[in-house]
């Protein structure tokens, strides 16, 4: 087994297992994530809000709490987080609403 890879605090339990049980894969993922962050022309708050919109549209609920907290830390308001999660309502459908409770619970708990 490869050594564990440090993952950010507050991620989903699935991502924690990814870091601890698939160290080489997690390290490659974290390196790619860092490189993509560096390449982005978006400011951190905008990037966090866009990420929430994409997660909600794809119905990837497990990542919503972490990224809602990130958005708050980067200055997003509660209303901006709601708008980001619901941004995909028209093109992706009503399923994005399933991500709203987790986003607001994480935002409010921060």
PDB file of N, CA and C in Angstrom:
ATOM      1  N   UNK A   1       0.850  -1.180   0.000  1.00  0.00           N
ATOM      2  CA  UNK A   1       0.000   0.000   0.000  1.00  0.00           C
ATOM      3  C   UNK A   1       0.886   1.230   0.000  1.00  0.00           C
ATOM      4  N   UNK A   2       0.479   2.224  -0.769  1.00  0.00           N
ATOM      5  CA  UNK A   2       1.209   3.492  -0.836  1.00  0.00           C
ATOM      6  C   UNK A   2       0.949   4.291   0.431  1.00  0.00           C
ATOM      7  N   UNK A   3       1.891   5.171   0.794  1.00  0.00           N
ATOM      8  CA  UNK A   3       1.661   6.002   1.975  1.00  0.00           C
ATOM      9  C   UNK A   3       0.462   6.922   1.791  1.00  0.00           C
ATOM     10  N   UNK A   4      -0.138   7.280   2.920  1.00  0.00           N
ATOM     11  CA  UNK A   4      -1.290   8.171   2.895  1.00  0.00           C
ATOM     12  C   UNK A   4      -0.884   9.535   2.354  1.00  0.00           C
ATOM     13  N   UNK A   5      -1.812  10.183   1.692  1.00  0.00           N
ATOM     14  CA  UNK A   5      -1.609  11.523   1.167  1.00  0.00           C
ATOM     15  C   UNK A   5      -2.455  12.481   1.978  1.00  0.00           C
ATOM     16  N   UNK A   6      -1.866  13.600   2.346  1.00  0.00           N
ATOM     17  CA  UNK A   6      -2.613  14.604   3.105  1.00  0.00           C
ATOM     18  C   UNK A   6      -3.723  15.179   2.239  1.00  0.00           C
ATOM     19  N   UNK A   7      -4.911  15.170   2.779  1.00  0.00           N
ATOM     20  CA  UNK A   7      -6.050  15.780   2.105  1.00  0.00           C
ATOM     21  C   UNK A   7      -6.550  16.921   2.980  1.00  0.00           C
ATOM     22  N   UNK A   8      -7.202  17.892   2.405  1.00  0.00           N
ATOM     23  CA  UNK A   8      -7.675  19.031   3.195  1.00  0.00           C
ATOM     24  C   UNK A   8      -8.635  18.599   4.305  1.00  0.00           C
ATOM     25  N   UNK A   9      -8.621  19.313   5.402  1.00  0.00           N
ATOM     26  CA  UNK A   9      -9.543  19.035   6.501  1.00  0.00           C
ATOM     27  C   UNK A   9     -10.968  19.313   6.061  1.00  0.00           C
ATOM     28  N   UNK A  10     -11.886  18.519   6.570  1.00  0.00           N
ATOM     29  CA  UNK A  10     -13.299  18.761   6.315  1.00  0.00           C
ATOM     30  C   UNK A  10     -13.841  18.161   5.039  1.00  0.00           C
ATOM     31  N   UNK A  11     -13.057  17.343   4.352  1.00  0.00           N
ATOM     32  CA  UNK A  11     -13.553  16.711   3.128  1.00  0.00           C
ATOM     33  C   UNK A  11     -14.458  15.542   3.495  1.00  0.00           C
ATOM     34  N   UNK A  12     -15.135  14.994   2.510  1.00  0.00           N
ATOM     35  CA  UNK A  12     -16.024  13.857   2.744  1.00  0.00           C
ATOM     36  C   UNK A  12     -15.227  12.645   3.208  1.00  0.00           C
ATOM     37  N   UNK A  13     -15.916  11.719   3.861  1.00  0.00           N
ATOM     38  CA  UNK A  13     -15.239  10.504   4.314  1.00  0.00           C
ATOM     39  C   UNK A  13     -14.705   9.710   3.124  1.00  0.00           C
ATOM     40  N   UNK A  14     -15.398   9.750   1.998  1.00  0.00           N
ATOM     41  CA  UNK A  14     -14.911   9.049   0.803  1.00  0.00           C
ATOM     42  C   UNK A  14     -13.576   9.623   0.350  1.00  0.00           C
ATOM     43  N   UNK A  15     -13.447  10.957   0.396  1.00  0.00           N
ATOM     44  CA  UNK A  15     -12.189  11.575  -0.022  1.00  0.00           C
ATOM     45  C   UNK A  15     -11.081  11.285   0.991  1.00  0.00           C
ATOM     46  N   UNK A  16     -11.430  11.188   2.274  1.00  0.00           N
ATOM     47  CA  UNK A  16     -10.443  10.815   3.294  1.00  0.00           C
ATOM     48  C   UNK A  16      -9.901   9.412   3.021  1.00  0.00           C
ATOM     49  N   UNK A  17     -10.786   8.483   2.682  1.00  0.00           N
ATOM     50  CA  UNK A  17     -10.358   7.117   2.363  1.00  0.00           C
ATOM     51  C   UNK A  17      -9.501   7.118   1.104  1.00  0.00           C
ATOM     52  N   UNK A  18      -9.869   7.911   0.124  1.00  0.00           N
ATOM     53  CA  UNK A  18      -9.067   8.056  -1.090  1.00  0.00           C
ATOM     54  C   UNK A  18      -7.641   8.451  -0.722  1.00  0.00           C
ATOM     55  N   UNK A  19      -7.487   9.439   0.168  1.00  0.00           N
ATOM     56  CA  UNK A  19      -6.163   9.893   0.579  1.00  0.00           C
ATOM     57  C   UNK A  19      -5.394   8.856   1.371  1.00  0.00           C
ATOM     58  N   UNK A  20      -6.093   8.113   2.223  1.00  0.00           N
ATOM     59  CA  UNK A  20      -5.387   7.163   3.084  1.00  0.00           C
ATOM     60  C   UNK A  20      -5.129   5.814   2.423  1.00  0.00           C
ATOM     61  N   UNK A  21      -5.983   5.413   1.509  1.00  0.00           N
ATOM     62  CA  UNK A  21      -5.865   4.070   0.925  1.00  0.00           C
ATOM     63  C   UNK A  21      -5.314   4.042  -0.501  1.00  0.00           C
ATOM     64  N   UNK A  22      -5.311   5.158  -1.159  1.00  0.00           N
ATOM     65  CA  UNK A  22      -4.819   5.213  -2.541  1.00  0.00           C
ATOM     66  C   UNK A  22      -3.856   6.395  -2.651  1.00  0.00           C
ATOM     67  N   UNK A  23      -2.806   6.360  -1.840  1.00  0.00           N
ATOM     68  CA  UNK A  23      -1.882   7.477  -1.705  1.00  0.00           C
ATOM     69  C   UNK A  23      -1.319   8.012  -3.009  1.00  0.00           C
ATOM     70  N   UNK A  24      -0.881   7.134  -3.887  1.00  0.00           N
ATOM     71  CA  UNK A  24      -0.288   7.590  -5.154  1.00  0.00           C
ATOM     72  C   UNK A  24      -1.334   8.277  -6.033  1.00  0.00           C
ATOM     73  N   UNK A  25      -2.518   7.696  -6.095  1.00  0.00           N
ATOM     74  CA  UNK A  25      -3.589   8.309  -6.885  1.00  0.00           C
ATOM     75  C   UNK A  25      -4.010   9.648  -6.285  1.00  0.00           C
ATOM     76  N   UNK A  26      -4.132   9.688  -4.963  1.00  0.00           N
ATOM     77  CA  UNK A  26      -4.524  10.934  -4.296  1.00  0.00           C
ATOM     78  C   UNK A  26      -3.470  12.018  -4.494  1.00  0.00           C
ATOM     79  N   UNK A  27      -2.211  11.643  -4.426  1.00  0.00           N
ATOM     80  CA  UNK A  27      -1.141  12.622  -4.644  1.00  0.00           C
ATOM     81  C   UNK A  27      -1.198  13.177  -6.059  1.00  0.00           C
ATOM     82  N   UNK A  28      -1.445  12.306  -7.039  1.00  0.00           N
ATOM     83  CA  UNK A  28      -1.564  12.761  -8.430  1.00  0.00           C
ATOM     84  C   UNK A  28      -2.767  13.691  -8.582  1.00  0.00           C
ATOM     85  N   UNK A  29      -3.868  13.334  -7.940  1.00  0.00           N
ATOM     86  CA  UNK A  29      -5.068  14.175  -7.997  1.00  0.00           C
ATOM     87  C   UNK A  29      -4.802  15.535  -7.379  1.00  0.00           C
ATOM     88  N   UNK A  30      -4.163  15.566  -6.206  1.00  0.00           N
ATOM     89  CA  UNK A  30      -3.889  16.823  -5.519  1.00  0.00           C
ATOM     90  C   UNK A  30      -2.920  17.689  -6.332  1.00  0.00           C
ATOM     91  N   UNK A  31      -1.953  17.061  -6.995  1.00  0.00           N
ATOM     92  CA  UNK A  31      -1.020  17.814  -7.838  1.00  0.00           C
ATOM     93  C   UNK A  31      -1.751  18.436  -9.036  1.00  0.00           C
ATOM     94  N   UNK A  32      -2.641  17.677  -9.645  1.00  0.00           N
ATOM     95  CA  UNK A  32      -3.417  18.203 -10.775  1.00  0.00           C
ATOM     96  C   UNK A  32      -4.330  19.328 -10.305  1.00  0.00           C
ATOM     97  N   UNK A  33      -4.933  19.168  -9.143  1.00  0.00           N
ATOM     98  CA  UNK A  33      -5.803  20.205  -8.587  1.00  0.00           C
ATOM     99  C   UNK A  33      -5.021  21.491  -8.343  1.00  0.00           C
ATOM    100  N   UNK A  34      -3.836  21.369  -7.774  1.00  0.00           N
ATOM    101  CA  UNK A  34      -2.998  22.549  -7.523  1.00  0.00           C
ATOM    102  C   UNK A  34      -2.616  23.234  -8.827  1.00  0.00           C
ATOM    103  N   UNK A  35      -2.287  22.464  -9.849  1.00  0.00           N
ATOM    104  CA  UNK A  35      -1.909  23.037 -11.138  1.00  0.00           C
ATOM    105  C   UNK A  35      -3.099  23.746 -11.793  1.00  0.00           C
ATOM    106  N   UNK A  36      -4.271  23.152 -11.691  1.00  0.00           N
ATOM    107  CA  UNK A  36      -5.465  23.788 -12.254  1.00  0.00           C
ATOM    108  C   UNK A  36      -5.819  25.063 -11.491  1.00  0.00           C
ATOM    109  N   UNK A  37      -5.632  25.062 -10.180  1.00  0.00           N
ATOM    110  CA  UNK A  37      -5.854  26.278  -9.387  1.00  0.00           C
ATOM    111  C   UNK A  37      -4.932  27.395  -9.857  1.00  0.00           C
ATOM    112  N   UNK A  38      -3.679  27.057 -10.079  1.00  0.00           N
ATOM    113  CA  UNK A  38      -2.694  28.045 -10.541  1.00  0.00           C
ATOM    114  C   UNK A  38      -3.054  28.594 -11.922  1.00  0.00           C
ATOM    115  N   UNK A  39      -3.609  27.762 -12.774  1.00  0.00           N
ATOM    116  CA  UNK A  39      -3.920  28.157 -14.146  1.00  0.00           C
ATOM    117  C   UNK A  39      -5.195  28.996 -14.249  1.00  0.00           C
ATOM    118  N   UNK A  40      -6.033  28.944 -13.237  1.00  0.00           N
ATOM    119  CA  UNK A  40      -7.323  29.627 -13.298  1.00  0.00           C
ATOM    120  C   UNK A  40      -7.177  31.139 -13.207  1.00  0.00           C
ATOM    121  N   UNK A  41      -7.940  31.830 -14.014  1.00  0.00           N
ATOM    122  CA  UNK A  41      -7.980  33.292 -13.975  1.00  0.00           C
ATOM    123  C   UNK A  41      -9.053  33.793 -13.005  1.00  0.00           C
ATOM    124  N   UNK A  42      -9.795  32.871 -12.407  1.00  0.00           N
ATOM    125  CA  UNK A  42     -10.858  33.255 -11.484  1.00  0.00           C
ATOM    126  C   UNK A  42     -10.299  33.534 -10.095  1.00  0.00           C
ATOM    127  N   UNK A  43     -10.906  34.499  -9.412  1.00  0.00           N
ATOM    128  CA  UNK A  43     -10.537  34.731  -8.021  1.00  0.00           C
ATOM    129  C   UNK A  43     -11.097  33.578  -7.183  1.00  0.00           C
ATOM    130  N   UNK A  44     -10.543  33.350  -5.978  1.00  0.00           N
ATOM    131  CA  UNK A  44     -10.961  32.189  -5.180  1.00  0.00           C
ATOM    132  C   UNK A  44     -12.467  32.103  -4.912  1.00  0.00           C
ATOM    133  N   UNK A  45     -13.114  33.218  -4.583  1.00  0.00           N
ATOM    134  CA  UNK A  45     -14.555  33.174  -4.293  1.00  0.00           C
ATOM    135  C   UNK A  45     -15.338  32.750  -5.531  1.00  0.00           C
ATOM    136  N   UNK A  46     -15.044  33.340  -6.666  1.00  0.00           N
ATOM    137  CA  UNK A  46     -15.751  32.997  -7.903  1.00  0.00           C
ATOM    138  C   UNK A  46     -15.524  31.533  -8.251  1.00  0.00           C
ATOM    139  N   UNK A  47     -14.295  31.081  -8.098  1.00  0.00           N
ATOM    140  CA  UNK A  47     -13.974  29.683  -8.394  1.00  0.00           C
ATOM    141  C   UNK A  47     -14.760  28.744  -7.478  1.00  0.00           C
ATOM    142  N   UNK A  48     -14.839  29.078  -6.176  1.00  0.00           N
ATOM    143  CA  UNK A  48     -15.597  28.247  -5.236  1.00  0.00           C
ATOM    144  C   UNK A  48     -17.075  28.198  -5.611  1.00  0.00           C
ATOM    145  N   UNK A  49     -17.649  29.330  -5.974  1.00  0.00           N
ATOM    146  CA  UNK A  49     -19.057  29.369  -6.353  1.00  0.00           C
ATOM    147  C   UNK A  49     -19.301  28.585  -7.639  1.00  0.00           C
ATOM    148  N   UNK A  50     -18.409  28.718  -8.602  1.00  0.00           N
ATOM    149  CA  UNK A  50     -18.538  27.957  -9.846  1.00  0.00           C
ATOM    150  C   UNK A  50     -18.424  26.456  -9.567  1.00  0.00           C
ATOM    151  N   UNK A  51     -17.514  26.098  -8.677  1.00  0.00           N
ATOM    152  CA  UNK A  51     -17.331  24.690  -8.323  1.00  0.00           C
ATOM    153  C   UNK A  51     -18.602  24.129  -7.695  1.00  0.00           C
ATOM    154  N   UNK A  52     -19.233  24.919  -6.809  1.00  0.00           N
ATOM    155  CA  UNK A  52     -20.498  24.491  -6.215  1.00  0.00           C
ATOM    156  C   UNK A  52     -21.560  24.264  -7.286  1.00  0.00           C
ATOM    157  N   UNK A  53     -21.623  25.148  -8.256  1.00  0.00           N
ATOM    158  CA  UNK A  53     -22.600  25.009  -9.332  1.00  0.00           C
ATOM    159  C   UNK A  53     -22.377  23.716 -10.116  1.00  0.00           C
ATOM    160  N   UNK A  54     -21.130  23.418 -10.402  1.00  0.00           N
ATOM    161  CA  UNK A  54     -20.811  22.199 -11.158  1.00  0.00           C
ATOM    162  C   UNK A  54     -21.130  20.956 -10.323  1.00  0.00           C
ATOM    163  N   UNK A  55     -20.732  20.956  -9.055  1.00  0.00           N
ATOM    164  CA  UNK A  55     -21.033  19.807  -8.191  1.00  0.00           C
ATOM    165  C   UNK A  55     -22.530  19.558  -8.103  1.00  0.00           C
ATOM    166  N   UNK A  56     -23.299  20.629  -7.926  1.00  0.00           N
ATOM    167  CA  UNK A  56     -24.749  20.473  -7.823  1.00  0.00           C
ATOM    168  C   UNK A  56     -25.339  19.951  -9.135  1.00  0.00           C
ATOM    169  N   UNK A  57     -24.887  20.490 -10.259  1.00  0.00           N
ATOM    170  CA  UNK A  57     -25.395  20.046 -11.562  1.00  0.00           C
ATOM    171  C   UNK A  57     -25.095  18.575 -11.804  1.00  0.00           C
ATOM    172  N   UNK A  58     -23.942  18.128 -11.309  1.00  0.00           N
ATOM    173  CA  UNK A  58     -23.562  16.718 -11.464  1.00  0.00           C
ATOM    174  C   UNK A  58     -24.100  15.847 -10.337  1.00  0.00           C
ATOM    175  N   UNK A  59     -24.755  16.486  -9.368  1.00  0.00           N
ATOM    176  CA  UNK A  59     -25.338  15.812  -8.202  1.00  0.00           C
ATOM    177  C   UNK A  59     -24.289  15.082  -7.378  1.00  0.00           C
ATOM    178  N   UNK A  60     -23.151  15.719  -7.226  1.00  0.00           N
ATOM    179  CA  UNK A  60     -22.056  15.180  -6.422  1.00  0.00           C
ATOM    180  C   UNK A  60     -22.138  15.784  -5.020  1.00  0.00           C
ATOM    181  N   UNK A  61     -23.148  15.347  -4.284  1.00  0.00           N
ATOM    182  CA  UNK A  61     -23.472  15.944  -2.997  1.00  0.00           C
ATOM    183  C   UNK A  61     -22.357  15.835  -1.957  1.00  0.00           C
ATOM    184  N   UNK A  62     -21.519  14.816  -2.038  1.00  0.00           N
ATOM    185  CA  UNK A  62     -20.507  14.633  -0.998  1.00  0.00           C
ATOM    186  C   UNK A  62     -19.489  15.764  -0.957  1.00  0.00           C
ATOM    187  N   UNK A  63     -19.253  16.430  -2.076  1.00  0.00           N
ATOM    188  CA  UNK A  63     -18.288  17.528  -2.103  1.00  0.00           C
ATOM    189  C   UNK A  63     -18.871  18.883  -1.750  1.00  0.00           C
ATOM    190  N   UNK A  64     -20.187  18.961  -1.676  1.00  0.00           N
ATOM    191  CA  UNK A  64     -20.858  20.240  -1.445  1.00  0.00           C
ATOM    192  C   UNK A  64     -20.470  20.889  -0.115  1.00  0.00           C
ATOM    193  N   UNK A  65     -20.512  20.188   1.022  1.00  0.00           N
ATOM    194  CA  UNK A  65     -20.187  20.857   2.286  1.00  0.00           C
ATOM    195  C   UNK A  65     -18.781  21.470   2.299  1.00  0.00           C
ATOM    196  N   UNK A  66     -17.791  20.735   1.842  1.00  0.00           N
ATOM    197  CA  UNK A  66     -16.420  21.249   1.835  1.00  0.00           C
ATOM    198  C   UNK A  66     -16.335  22.527   1.001  1.00  0.00           C
ATOM    199  N   UNK A  67     -16.920  22.501  -0.181  1.00  0.00           N
ATOM    200  CA  UNK A  67     -16.795  23.647  -1.073  1.00  0.00           C
ATOM    201  C   UNK A  67     -17.680  24.824  -0.645  1.00  0.00           C
ATOM    202  N   UNK A  68     -18.775  24.555   0.054  1.00  0.00           N
ATOM    203  CA  UNK A  68     -19.576  25.646   0.622  1.00  0.00           C
ATOM    204  C   UNK A  68     -18.780  26.359   1.713  1.00  0.00           C
ATOM    205  N   UNK A  69     -18.071  25.580   2.537  1.00  0.00           N
ATOM    206  CA  UNK A  69     -17.217  26.202   3.568  1.00  0.00           C
ATOM    207  C   UNK A  69     -16.091  26.992   2.921  1.00  0.00           C
ATOM    208  N   UNK A  70     -15.504  26.459   1.861  1.00  0.00           N
ATOM    209  CA  UNK A  70     -14.446  27.180   1.142  1.00  0.00           C
ATOM    210  C   UNK A  70     -14.983  28.504   0.600  1.00  0.00           C
ATOM    211  N   UNK A  71     -16.170  28.466   0.016  1.00  0.00           N
ATOM    212  CA  UNK A  71     -16.762  29.684  -0.538  1.00  0.00           C
ATOM    213  C   UNK A  71     -16.958  30.724   0.561  1.00  0.00           C
ATOM    214  N   UNK A  72     -17.449  30.282   1.709  1.00  0.00           N
ATOM    215  CA  UNK A  72     -17.636  31.230   2.816  1.00  0.00           C
ATOM    216  C   UNK A  72     -16.305  31.816   3.257  1.00  0.00           C
ATOM    217  N   UNK A  73     -15.289  30.970   3.367  1.00  0.00           N
ATOM    218  CA  UNK A  73     -13.964  31.451   3.779  1.00  0.00           C
ATOM    219  C   UNK A  73     -13.402  32.465   2.790  1.00  0.00           C
ATOM    220  N   UNK A  74     -13.804  32.368   1.539  1.00  0.00           N
ATOM    221  CA  UNK A  74     -13.326  33.299   0.519  1.00  0.00           C
ATOM    222  C   UNK A  74     -14.276  34.476   0.315  1.00  0.00           C
ATOM    223  N   UNK A  75     -15.233  34.643   1.225  1.00  0.00           N
ATOM    224  CA  UNK A  75     -16.067  35.832   1.201  1.00  0.00           C
ATOM    225  C   UNK A  75     -17.437  35.711   0.571  1.00  0.00           C
ATOM    226  N   UNK A  76     -17.847  34.523   0.189  1.00  0.00           N
ATOM    227  CA  UNK A  76     -19.170  34.359  -0.408  1.00  0.00           C
ATOM    228  C   UNK A  76     -20.250  34.524   0.656  1.00  0.00           C
ATOM    229  N   UNK A  77     -21.335  35.149   0.269  1.00  0.00           N
ATOM    230  CA  UNK A  77     -22.481  35.269   1.162  1.00  0.00           C
ATOM    231  C   UNK A  77     -23.326  34.001   1.076  1.00  0.00           C
ATOM    232  N   UNK A  78     -24.208  33.844   2.036  1.00  0.00           N
ATOM    233  CA  UNK A  78     -25.137  32.712   2.038  1.00  0.00           C
ATOM    234  C   UNK A  78     -25.995  32.753   0.768  1.00  0.00           C
ATOM    235  N   UNK A  79     -26.431  33.928   0.380  1.00  0.00           N
ATOM    236  CA  UNK A  79     -27.258  34.077  -0.820  1.00  0.00           C
ATOM    237  C   UNK A  79     -26.483  33.696  -2.084  1.00  0.00           C
ATOM    238  N   UNK A  80     -25.191  34.009  -2.110  1.00  0.00           N
ATOM    239  CA  UNK A  80     -24.372  33.618  -3.267  1.00  0.00           C
ATOM    240  C   UNK A  80     -24.215  32.104  -3.333  1.00  0.00           C
ATOM    241  N   UNK A  81     -24.077  31.465  -2.182  1.00  0.00           N
ATOM    242  CA  UNK A  81     -23.974  29.998  -2.162  1.00  0.00           C
ATOM    243  C   UNK A  81     -25.284  29.387  -2.660  1.00  0.00           C
ATOM    244  N   UNK A  82     -26.410  29.902  -2.192  1.00  0.00           N
ATOM    245  CA  UNK A  82     -27.714  29.413  -2.674  1.00  0.00           C
ATOM    246  C   UNK A  82     -27.804  29.581  -4.191  1.00  0.00           C
ATOM    247  N   UNK A  83     -27.463  30.755  -4.688  1.00  0.00           N
ATOM    248  CA  UNK A  83     -27.536  31.015  -6.129  1.00  0.00           C
ATOM    249  C   UNK A  83     -26.612  30.109  -6.920  1.00  0.00           C
ATOM    250  N   UNK A  84     -25.420  29.845  -6.384  1.00  0.00           N
ATOM    251  CA  UNK A  84     -24.482  28.960  -7.081  1.00  0.00           C
ATOM    252  C   UNK A  84     -25.038  27.546  -7.177  1.00  0.00           C
ATOM    253  N   UNK A  85     -25.557  27.024  -6.071  1.00  0.00           N
ATOM    254  CA  UNK A  85     -26.115  25.665  -6.076  1.00  0.00           C
ATOM    255  C   UNK A  85     -27.297  25.574  -7.044  1.00  0.00           C
ATOM    256  N   UNK A  86     -28.114  26.615  -7.070  1.00  0.00           N
ATOM    257  CA  UNK A  86     -29.309  26.578  -7.915  1.00  0.00           C
ATOM    258  C   UNK A  86     -29.069  27.067  -9.337  1.00  0.00           C
ATOM    259  N   UNK A  87     -27.850  27.461  -9.656  1.00  0.00           N
ATOM    260  CA  UNK A  87     -27.543  27.956 -10.993  1.00  0.00           C
ATOM    261  C   UNK A  87     -27.910  26.951 -12.077  1.00  0.00           C
ATOM    262  N   UNK A  88     -27.709  25.684 -11.803  1.00  0.00           N
ATOM    263  CA  UNK A  88     -27.996  24.652 -12.795  1.00  0.00           C
ATOM    264  C   UNK A  88     -29.435  24.196 -12.826  1.00  0.00           C
ATOM    265  N   UNK A  89     -30.303  24.863 -12.097  1.00  0.00           N
ATOM    266  CA  UNK A  89     -31.700  24.440 -12.027  1.00  0.00           C
ATOM    267  C   UNK A  89     -32.325  24.307 -13.415  1.00  0.00           C
ATOM    268  N   UNK A  90     -32.134  25.283 -14.276  1.00  0.00           N
ATOM    269  CA  UNK A  90     -32.728  25.227 -15.615  1.00  0.00           C
ATOM    270  C   UNK A  90     -32.071  24.156 -16.498  1.00  0.00           C
ATOM    271  N   UNK A  91     -30.730  24.183 -16.680  1.00  0.00           N
ATOM    272  CA  UNK A  91     -30.150  23.197 -17.601  1.00  0.00           C
ATOM    273  C   UNK A  91     -30.024  21.790 -17.009  1.00  0.00           C
ATOM    274  N   UNK A  92     -29.837  21.671 -15.694  1.00  0.00           N
ATOM    275  CA  UNK A  92     -29.581  20.360 -15.108  1.00  0.00           C
ATOM    276  C   UNK A  92     -30.809  19.763 -14.429  1.00  0.00           C
ATOM    277  N   UNK A  93     -31.791  20.595 -14.113  1.00  0.00           N
ATOM    278  CA  UNK A  93     -33.020  20.086 -13.529  1.00  0.00           C
ATOM    279  C   UNK A  93     -33.106  20.255 -12.026  1.00  0.00           C
ATOM    280  N   UNK A  94     -34.231  19.831 -11.511  1.00  0.00           N
ATOM    281  CA  UNK A  94     -34.578  19.992 -10.106  1.00  0.00           C
ATOM    282  C   UNK A  94     -33.625  19.249  -9.169  1.00  0.00           C
ATOM    283  N   UNK A  95     -32.866  18.305  -9.672  1.00  0.00           N
ATOM    284  CA  UNK A  95     -31.945  17.534  -8.835  1.00  0.00           C
ATOM    285  C   UNK A  95     -30.934  18.389  -8.090  1.00  0.00           C
ATOM    286  N   UNK A  96     -30.627  19.566  -8.611  1.00  0.00           N
ATOM    287  CA  UNK A  96     -29.660  20.428  -7.919  1.00  0.00           C
ATOM    288  C   UNK A  96     -30.165  20.822  -6.538  1.00  0.00           C
ATOM    289  N   UNK A  97     -31.484  20.822  -6.345  1.00  0.00           N
ATOM    290  CA  UNK A  97     -32.018  21.209  -5.040  1.00  0.00           C
ATOM    291  C   UNK A  97     -31.614  20.231  -3.947  1.00  0.00           C
ATOM    292  N   UNK A  98     -31.282  18.999  -4.304  1.00  0.00           N
ATOM    293  CA  UNK A  98     -30.834  18.020  -3.314  1.00  0.00           C
ATOM    294  C   UNK A  98     -29.529  18.444  -2.667  1.00  0.00           C
ATOM    295  N   UNK A  99     -28.757  19.286  -3.335  1.00  0.00           N
ATOM    296  CA  UNK A  99     -27.477  19.756  -2.805  1.00  0.00           C
ATOM    297  C   UNK A  99     -27.626  20.958  -1.889  1.00  0.00           C
ATOM    298  N   UNK A 100     -28.760  21.599  -1.914  1.00  0.00           N
ATOM    299  CA  UNK A 100     -28.947  22.822  -1.138  1.00  0.00           C
ATOM    300  C   UNK A 100     -28.878  22.605   0.375  1.00  0.00           C
ATOM    301  N   UNK A 101     -29.526  21.598   0.944  1.00  0.00           N
ATOM    302  CA  UNK A 101     -29.443  21.426   2.394  1.00  0.00           C
ATOM    303  C   UNK A 101     -28.005  21.233   2.902  1.00  0.00           C
ATOM    304  N   UNK A 102     -27.226  20.444   2.226  1.00  0.00           N
ATOM    305  CA  UNK A 102     -25.840  20.226   2.646  1.00  0.00           C
ATOM    306  C   UNK A 102     -24.997  21.474   2.526  1.00  0.00           C
ATOM    307  N   UNK A 103     -25.232  22.246   1.485  1.00  0.00           N
ATOM    308  CA  UNK A 103     -24.474  23.480   1.301  1.00  0.00           C
ATOM    309  C   UNK A 103     -24.799  24.463   2.407  1.00  0.00           C
ATOM    310  N   UNK A 104     -26.069  24.609   2.732  1.00  0.00           N
ATOM    311  CA  UNK A 104     -26.458  25.583   3.753  1.00  0.00           C
ATOM    312  C   UNK A 104     -26.059  25.124   5.151  1.00  0.00           C
ATOM    313  N   UNK A 105     -26.158  23.843   5.420  1.00  0.00           N
ATOM    314  CA  UNK A 105     -25.725  23.347   6.728  1.00  0.00           C
ATOM    315  C   UNK A 105     -24.241  23.588   6.936  1.00  0.00           C
ATOM    316  N   UNK A 106     -23.439  23.325   5.914  1.00  0.00           N
ATOM    317  CA  UNK A 106     -21.991  23.554   6.016  1.00  0.00           C
ATOM    318  C   UNK A 106     -21.691  25.037   6.117  1.00  0.00           C
ATOM    319  N   UNK A 107     -22.357  25.845   5.332  1.00  0.00           N
ATOM    320  CA  UNK A 107     -22.137  27.291   5.357  1.00  0.00           C
ATOM    321  C   UNK A 107     -22.487  27.858   6.730  1.00  0.00           C
ATOM    322  N   UNK A 108     -23.636  27.471   7.247  1.00  0.00           N
ATOM    323  CA  UNK A 108     -24.097  27.996   8.522  1.00  0.00           C
ATOM    324  C   UNK A 108     -23.258  27.513   9.709  1.00  0.00           C
ATOM    325  N   UNK A 109     -22.658  26.336   9.580  1.00  0.00           N
ATOM    326  CA  UNK A 109     -21.860  25.782  10.670  1.00  0.00           C
ATOM    327  C   UNK A 109     -20.473  26.398  10.768  1.00  0.00           C
ATOM    328  N   UNK A 110     -20.050  27.079   9.732  1.00  0.00           N
ATOM    329  CA  UNK A 110     -18.698  27.638   9.709  1.00  0.00           C
ATOM    330  C   UNK A 110     -18.604  28.840  10.606  1.00  0.00           C
TER     331      UNK A 110
END
